[in-house]
Protein backbone atom coordinates (compact mmCIF):
# COMPACT_ATOMS: atom_id res chain seq x y z
CA MET A 1 0.02 0.01 -0.01
CA ALA A 2 1.40 3.40 -1.03
CA ARG A 3 1.84 5.93 1.65
CA VAL A 4 0.86 9.61 0.96
CA GLN A 5 3.05 12.17 2.45
CA GLU A 6 2.17 15.78 2.77
CA LEU A 7 4.56 18.31 1.85
CA GLN A 8 4.42 21.85 3.08
CA LEU A 9 6.57 24.62 1.47
CA LYS A 10 6.96 28.15 2.26
CA MET A 11 7.94 30.41 -0.55
CA PRO A 12 7.61 34.02 -1.58
CA PHE A 13 4.38 34.78 -3.51
CA SER A 14 6.58 36.07 -6.42
CA VAL A 15 8.08 32.60 -6.75
CA LEU A 16 4.67 31.04 -6.90
CA VAL A 17 3.69 33.52 -9.69
CA SER A 18 6.85 32.59 -11.68
CA LEU A 19 6.02 28.87 -11.34
CA LEU A 20 2.58 29.61 -12.55
CA GLU A 21 3.85 31.36 -15.59
CA GLN A 22 5.62 28.27 -16.61
CA LEU A 23 2.41 26.16 -16.73
CA GLY A 24 0.66 25.13 -19.89
CA PRO A 25 -2.95 26.10 -20.71
CA GLU A 26 -4.32 22.73 -19.57
CA ASP A 27 -2.59 22.84 -16.27
CA LEU A 28 -3.66 26.50 -15.67
CA LEU A 29 -7.39 25.45 -16.30
CA GLU A 30 -6.86 22.52 -13.87
CA LEU A 31 -5.48 24.86 -11.30
CA ARG A 32 -8.18 27.31 -11.93
CA GLU A 33 -10.82 24.67 -11.10
CA LEU A 34 -9.07 23.80 -7.84
CA VAL A 35 -8.81 27.46 -6.84
CA ASP A 36 -12.48 28.06 -7.82
CA GLU A 37 -13.49 25.14 -5.64
CA LYS A 38 -11.62 26.35 -2.62
CA LEU A 39 -12.94 29.89 -3.09
CA LEU A 40 -16.40 28.46 -3.13
CA GLU A 41 -15.77 26.69 0.17
CA TYR A 42 -14.64 29.85 1.86
CA GLU A 43 -16.97 32.43 0.14
CA ASP A 44 -19.42 32.67 2.90
CA GLU A 45 -16.89 32.70 5.62
CA LEU A 46 -15.09 35.47 3.75
CA MET A 47 -18.20 37.47 3.30
CA LEU A 48 -19.35 37.22 6.97
CA ALA A 49 -15.92 38.39 7.99
CA ASN A 50 -16.02 41.53 5.87
CA PRO A 51 -17.67 44.38 7.91
CA ARG A 52 -18.63 46.30 4.69
CA ILE A 53 -20.49 43.31 3.31
CA MET A 54 -22.23 42.65 6.51
CA SER A 55 -23.25 46.33 6.72
CA GLU A 56 -24.66 46.21 3.15
CA ILE A 57 -26.54 42.97 3.96
CA ARG A 58 -28.09 44.61 7.11
CA GLU A 59 -28.95 47.78 5.11
CA ALA A 60 -30.73 45.61 2.33
CA ARG A 61 -32.63 43.75 4.97
CA ALA A 62 -33.94 46.76 6.59
CA GLU A 63 -35.00 48.19 3.10
CA TYR A 64 -36.84 45.04 2.41
CA GLU A 65 -38.62 44.92 5.77
CA ALA A 66 -39.49 48.56 5.31
CA GLY A 67 -41.08 47.75 1.85
CA GLU A 68 -38.44 49.83 -0.04
CA TYR A 69 -38.02 47.30 -2.95
CA ILE A 70 -39.53 46.66 -6.37
CA THR A 71 -40.54 43.25 -7.70
CA PHE A 72 -38.75 41.65 -10.55
CA GLN A 73 -41.83 42.25 -12.77
CA GLU A 74 -41.64 46.04 -11.81
CA LEU A 75 -38.02 46.03 -12.65
CA MET A 76 -38.50 44.41 -16.06
CA ALA A 77 -41.32 46.80 -16.87
CA GLU A 78 -39.08 49.94 -16.28
CA PRO A 79 -37.11 49.92 -19.52
CA ASP A 80 -40.50 49.59 -21.34
CA GLN A 81 -41.78 52.69 -19.48
CA ALA A 82 -38.64 54.60 -20.25
CA ASN A 83 -38.95 53.84 -23.96
CA GLU A 84 -42.59 54.93 -23.98
CA ALA A 85 -41.65 58.24 -22.32
CA ASN A 86 -39.12 58.83 -25.09
CA VAL A 87 -41.58 58.29 -27.99
């Protein structure tokens, strides 16, 4: 049975960038998929840790609760109303 060992390296970010520049398109696409998956895992955590985003979420919730919103149908009708006014 093969034993898998974990290897941890510390390197300057510039070295990582230099190594990435040496990858071919297929390897870059595979790496992009891996990075996208990791970002999705952390997305909620990162948003909840950002005070500006949390403030915007609270503000949006307060506006919604106060009835300060338009429906999707109203939003879609707005360009039609704007076009009718210009005729």
